[in-house]
N, C-alpha and C. Protein backbone atom coordinates (compact mmCIF):
# COMPACT_ATOMS: atom_id res chain seq x y z
N MET A 1 10.16 -23.36 -10.92
CA MET A 1 10.57 -22.75 -9.67
C MET A 1 9.41 -21.94 -9.11
N ASP A 2 8.98 -22.28 -7.92
CA ASP A 2 7.92 -21.53 -7.26
C ASP A 2 8.53 -20.50 -6.32
N GLY A 3 7.83 -19.44 -6.08
CA GLY A 3 8.30 -18.41 -5.17
C GLY A 3 7.66 -17.08 -5.51
N PRO A 4 7.90 -16.09 -4.70
CA PRO A 4 7.22 -14.80 -4.89
C PRO A 4 7.61 -14.10 -6.18
N GLN A 5 8.78 -14.42 -6.74
CA GLN A 5 9.21 -13.74 -7.96
C GLN A 5 9.08 -14.62 -9.19
N SER A 6 8.46 -15.78 -9.06
CA SER A 6 8.36 -16.68 -10.21
C SER A 6 7.11 -16.40 -11.01
N PHE A 7 7.06 -16.99 -12.19
CA PHE A 7 5.88 -16.92 -13.03
C PHE A 7 5.09 -18.22 -12.96
N ALA A 8 5.37 -19.01 -11.93
CA ALA A 8 4.65 -20.27 -11.75
C ALA A 8 3.17 -19.98 -11.54
N PRO A 9 2.30 -20.83 -12.06
CA PRO A 9 0.87 -20.58 -11.90
C PRO A 9 0.45 -20.64 -10.43
N ALA A 10 -0.47 -19.81 -10.10
CA ALA A 10 -1.05 -19.79 -8.75
C ALA A 10 -2.51 -19.38 -8.90
N LYS A 11 -3.30 -19.76 -7.94
CA LYS A 11 -4.71 -19.41 -7.97
C LYS A 11 -4.96 -18.27 -6.99
N PRO A 12 -5.69 -17.23 -7.42
CA PRO A 12 -6.00 -16.15 -6.50
C PRO A 12 -6.72 -16.68 -5.26
N GLY A 13 -6.39 -16.09 -4.13
CA GLY A 13 -7.06 -16.44 -2.89
C GLY A 13 -6.52 -17.67 -2.20
N THR A 14 -5.45 -18.28 -2.71
CA THR A 14 -4.93 -19.49 -2.08
C THR A 14 -3.76 -19.21 -1.13
N GLU A 15 -3.10 -18.07 -1.28
CA GLU A 15 -2.00 -17.73 -0.38
C GLU A 15 -2.58 -17.16 0.92
N ARG A 16 -2.11 -17.67 2.03
CA ARG A 16 -2.57 -17.19 3.34
C ARG A 16 -2.02 -15.79 3.58
N LEU A 17 -2.91 -14.86 3.93
CA LEU A 17 -2.49 -13.49 4.18
C LEU A 17 -1.67 -13.40 5.46
N ASP A 18 -0.58 -12.66 5.39
CA ASP A 18 0.24 -12.40 6.55
C ASP A 18 -0.47 -11.31 7.37
N PRO A 19 -0.93 -11.62 8.60
CA PRO A 19 -1.69 -10.65 9.37
C PRO A 19 -0.88 -9.40 9.74
N ILE A 20 0.44 -9.54 9.89
CA ILE A 20 1.26 -8.38 10.21
C ILE A 20 1.32 -7.43 9.02
N LEU A 21 1.51 -7.98 7.81
CA LEU A 21 1.51 -7.15 6.61
C LEU A 21 0.16 -6.48 6.41
N PHE A 22 -0.91 -7.24 6.64
CA PHE A 22 -2.25 -6.68 6.44
C PHE A 22 -2.52 -5.54 7.42
N THR A 23 -2.14 -5.71 8.67
CA THR A 23 -2.34 -4.67 9.67
C THR A 23 -1.54 -3.42 9.29
N ARG A 24 -0.30 -3.62 8.86
CA ARG A 24 0.55 -2.49 8.45
C ARG A 24 -0.05 -1.78 7.24
N ASN A 25 -0.55 -2.54 6.29
CA ASN A 25 -1.13 -1.95 5.09
C ASN A 25 -2.40 -1.16 5.43
N LYS A 26 -3.20 -1.66 6.37
CA LYS A 26 -4.40 -0.92 6.81
C LYS A 26 -4.00 0.40 7.48
N LEU A 27 -2.95 0.37 8.29
CA LEU A 27 -2.47 1.58 8.94
C LEU A 27 -1.98 2.59 7.91
N ILE A 28 -1.29 2.11 6.90
CA ILE A 28 -0.82 2.99 5.82
C ILE A 28 -2.02 3.62 5.11
N GLU A 29 -3.02 2.82 4.81
CA GLU A 29 -4.23 3.33 4.17
C GLU A 29 -4.83 4.48 4.98
N GLU A 30 -5.05 4.23 6.26
CA GLU A 30 -5.67 5.24 7.12
C GLU A 30 -4.81 6.49 7.24
N THR A 31 -3.50 6.30 7.38
CA THR A 31 -2.60 7.43 7.54
C THR A 31 -2.53 8.28 6.29
N LEU A 32 -2.38 7.65 5.13
CA LEU A 32 -2.30 8.41 3.88
C LEU A 32 -3.59 9.19 3.62
N LEU A 33 -4.74 8.56 3.84
CA LEU A 33 -6.01 9.27 3.61
C LEU A 33 -6.19 10.42 4.59
N SER A 34 -5.80 10.21 5.84
CA SER A 34 -5.89 11.26 6.85
C SER A 34 -4.94 12.42 6.53
N GLU A 35 -3.70 12.09 6.19
CA GLU A 35 -2.73 13.14 5.85
C GLU A 35 -3.13 13.87 4.58
N GLY A 36 -3.67 13.14 3.62
CA GLY A 36 -4.14 13.78 2.39
C GLY A 36 -5.23 14.80 2.67
N ALA A 37 -6.14 14.46 3.57
CA ALA A 37 -7.22 15.39 3.94
C ALA A 37 -6.65 16.64 4.62
N LYS A 38 -5.66 16.46 5.48
CA LYS A 38 -5.03 17.61 6.15
C LYS A 38 -4.32 18.51 5.15
N LEU A 39 -3.59 17.89 4.21
CA LEU A 39 -2.88 18.67 3.20
C LEU A 39 -3.86 19.45 2.32
N LEU A 40 -4.96 18.82 1.95
CA LEU A 40 -5.99 19.50 1.15
C LEU A 40 -6.54 20.70 1.91
N LYS A 41 -6.86 20.49 3.17
CA LYS A 41 -7.40 21.58 4.00
C LYS A 41 -6.42 22.75 4.08
N ASP A 42 -5.12 22.43 4.12
CA ASP A 42 -4.10 23.47 4.21
C ASP A 42 -3.74 24.08 2.85
N GLY A 43 -4.36 23.59 1.77
CA GLY A 43 -4.07 24.10 0.43
C GLY A 43 -2.74 23.62 -0.12
N ASP A 44 -2.21 22.55 0.43
CA ASP A 44 -0.93 21.98 0.01
C ASP A 44 -1.19 21.00 -1.13
N LEU A 45 -0.60 21.27 -2.28
CA LEU A 45 -0.88 20.44 -3.46
C LEU A 45 -0.39 19.01 -3.36
N ARG A 46 0.40 18.72 -2.33
CA ARG A 46 0.83 17.34 -2.13
C ARG A 46 -0.34 16.45 -1.72
N TRP A 47 -1.50 17.03 -1.45
CA TRP A 47 -2.68 16.26 -1.05
C TRP A 47 -3.06 15.25 -2.13
N TYR A 48 -2.89 15.64 -3.39
CA TYR A 48 -3.40 14.81 -4.48
C TYR A 48 -2.73 13.44 -4.50
N PHE A 49 -1.39 13.40 -4.54
CA PHE A 49 -0.71 12.11 -4.61
C PHE A 49 -0.86 11.34 -3.31
N THR A 50 -0.87 12.05 -2.18
CA THR A 50 -1.04 11.39 -0.89
C THR A 50 -2.39 10.69 -0.83
N THR A 51 -3.43 11.38 -1.25
CA THR A 51 -4.78 10.81 -1.27
C THR A 51 -4.88 9.69 -2.30
N ALA A 52 -4.25 9.88 -3.46
CA ALA A 52 -4.29 8.84 -4.50
C ALA A 52 -3.63 7.55 -4.00
N HIS A 53 -2.48 7.68 -3.35
CA HIS A 53 -1.82 6.48 -2.84
C HIS A 53 -2.65 5.83 -1.72
N GLY A 54 -3.29 6.65 -0.89
CA GLY A 54 -4.18 6.11 0.13
C GLY A 54 -5.34 5.34 -0.48
N GLU A 55 -5.89 5.88 -1.55
CA GLU A 55 -7.01 5.21 -2.22
C GLU A 55 -6.55 3.92 -2.91
N ILE A 56 -5.38 3.94 -3.52
CA ILE A 56 -4.83 2.72 -4.12
C ILE A 56 -4.64 1.65 -3.05
N THR A 57 -4.11 2.06 -1.90
CA THR A 57 -3.90 1.12 -0.80
C THR A 57 -5.23 0.57 -0.31
N ARG A 58 -6.26 1.42 -0.23
CA ARG A 58 -7.59 0.97 0.18
C ARG A 58 -8.10 -0.10 -0.79
N LEU A 59 -7.93 0.14 -2.08
CA LEU A 59 -8.40 -0.83 -3.08
C LEU A 59 -7.61 -2.13 -3.02
N ILE A 60 -6.31 -2.03 -2.78
CA ILE A 60 -5.50 -3.25 -2.61
C ILE A 60 -6.05 -4.05 -1.44
N ASN A 61 -6.23 -3.39 -0.30
CA ASN A 61 -6.71 -4.08 0.90
C ASN A 61 -8.08 -4.71 0.68
N LYS A 62 -8.93 -4.01 -0.02
CA LYS A 62 -10.29 -4.49 -0.27
C LYS A 62 -10.30 -5.72 -1.19
N ASN A 63 -9.33 -5.82 -2.07
CA ASN A 63 -9.35 -6.85 -3.12
C ASN A 63 -8.22 -7.87 -3.02
N LEU A 64 -7.64 -8.04 -1.85
CA LEU A 64 -6.51 -8.96 -1.70
C LEU A 64 -6.82 -10.39 -2.14
N ALA A 65 -8.04 -10.82 -1.97
CA ALA A 65 -8.40 -12.20 -2.32
C ALA A 65 -8.31 -12.46 -3.83
N HIS A 66 -8.23 -11.41 -4.63
CA HIS A 66 -8.16 -11.56 -6.09
C HIS A 66 -6.73 -11.69 -6.60
N PHE A 67 -5.75 -11.51 -5.72
CA PHE A 67 -4.35 -11.56 -6.13
C PHE A 67 -3.75 -12.94 -5.87
N GLN A 68 -2.86 -13.36 -6.76
CA GLN A 68 -2.19 -14.65 -6.59
C GLN A 68 -1.21 -14.63 -5.43
N ARG A 69 -0.51 -13.55 -5.27
CA ARG A 69 0.50 -13.42 -4.21
C ARG A 69 0.29 -12.10 -3.47
N PRO A 70 -0.76 -12.03 -2.65
CA PRO A 70 -1.09 -10.76 -1.98
C PRO A 70 -0.01 -10.28 -1.01
N ASN A 71 0.73 -11.20 -0.40
CA ASN A 71 1.76 -10.77 0.56
C ASN A 71 2.88 -10.01 -0.15
N ALA A 72 3.26 -10.45 -1.33
CA ALA A 72 4.28 -9.74 -2.11
C ALA A 72 3.76 -8.35 -2.50
N LEU A 73 2.50 -8.26 -2.87
CA LEU A 73 1.90 -6.97 -3.22
C LEU A 73 1.88 -6.04 -2.01
N MET A 74 1.52 -6.57 -0.84
CA MET A 74 1.50 -5.72 0.36
C MET A 74 2.90 -5.25 0.72
N ARG A 75 3.91 -6.13 0.59
CA ARG A 75 5.28 -5.71 0.88
C ARG A 75 5.72 -4.59 -0.06
N LEU A 76 5.38 -4.70 -1.34
CA LEU A 76 5.71 -3.65 -2.30
C LEU A 76 5.02 -2.35 -1.93
N ASN A 77 3.74 -2.42 -1.59
CA ASN A 77 2.99 -1.23 -1.25
C ASN A 77 3.54 -0.56 0.02
N ILE A 78 3.88 -1.37 1.01
CA ILE A 78 4.43 -0.85 2.26
C ILE A 78 5.75 -0.14 1.98
N HIS A 79 6.62 -0.77 1.22
CA HIS A 79 7.91 -0.17 0.90
C HIS A 79 7.73 1.16 0.17
N PHE A 80 6.89 1.18 -0.84
CA PHE A 80 6.66 2.39 -1.61
C PHE A 80 6.08 3.49 -0.72
N ALA A 81 5.10 3.14 0.10
CA ALA A 81 4.46 4.13 0.97
C ALA A 81 5.46 4.73 1.96
N GLU A 82 6.30 3.89 2.54
CA GLU A 82 7.29 4.40 3.49
C GLU A 82 8.29 5.34 2.82
N GLU A 83 8.72 5.01 1.62
CA GLU A 83 9.62 5.90 0.88
C GLU A 83 8.92 7.20 0.53
N PHE A 84 7.66 7.11 0.12
CA PHE A 84 6.90 8.31 -0.23
C PHE A 84 6.73 9.23 0.97
N VAL A 85 6.37 8.67 2.11
CA VAL A 85 6.15 9.49 3.30
C VAL A 85 7.45 10.17 3.73
N ARG A 86 8.56 9.45 3.65
CA ARG A 86 9.86 10.07 3.97
C ARG A 86 10.11 11.27 3.06
N ALA A 87 9.88 11.10 1.78
CA ALA A 87 10.09 12.19 0.82
C ALA A 87 9.09 13.33 1.07
N LEU A 88 7.87 12.97 1.37
CA LEU A 88 6.82 13.98 1.63
C LEU A 88 7.23 14.92 2.75
N TRP A 89 7.84 14.38 3.77
CA TRP A 89 8.23 15.18 4.93
C TRP A 89 9.71 15.59 4.90
N GLY A 90 10.30 15.61 3.70
CA GLY A 90 11.64 16.16 3.54
C GLY A 90 12.78 15.27 3.95
N GLN A 91 12.55 13.95 3.98
CA GLN A 91 13.61 13.01 4.32
C GLN A 91 13.75 11.95 3.23
N PRO A 92 14.02 12.37 1.99
CA PRO A 92 14.10 11.37 0.91
C PRO A 92 15.26 10.42 1.11
N HIS A 93 15.09 9.24 0.60
CA HIS A 93 16.12 8.19 0.71
C HIS A 93 17.09 8.34 -0.43
């Protein structure tokens, strides 16, 4: 059975990147790094995880060609980032 949740073999770099997911992931990267810098400047300790998640997102975006199913990874990252940002600003799910 092939699909995003299967263990079927796949070759890195063969799945076509979804441009909408990639654009959203780039926006998340920029936003998290920018917000992390603001939090650090304000002495807010939430800067650390915000910046760490921004850096993880940057590395994901930089290395998408090495993943077998990059679109699934971007969807996971987007979902996690959106939940994190909601919690960061006092609106946890």
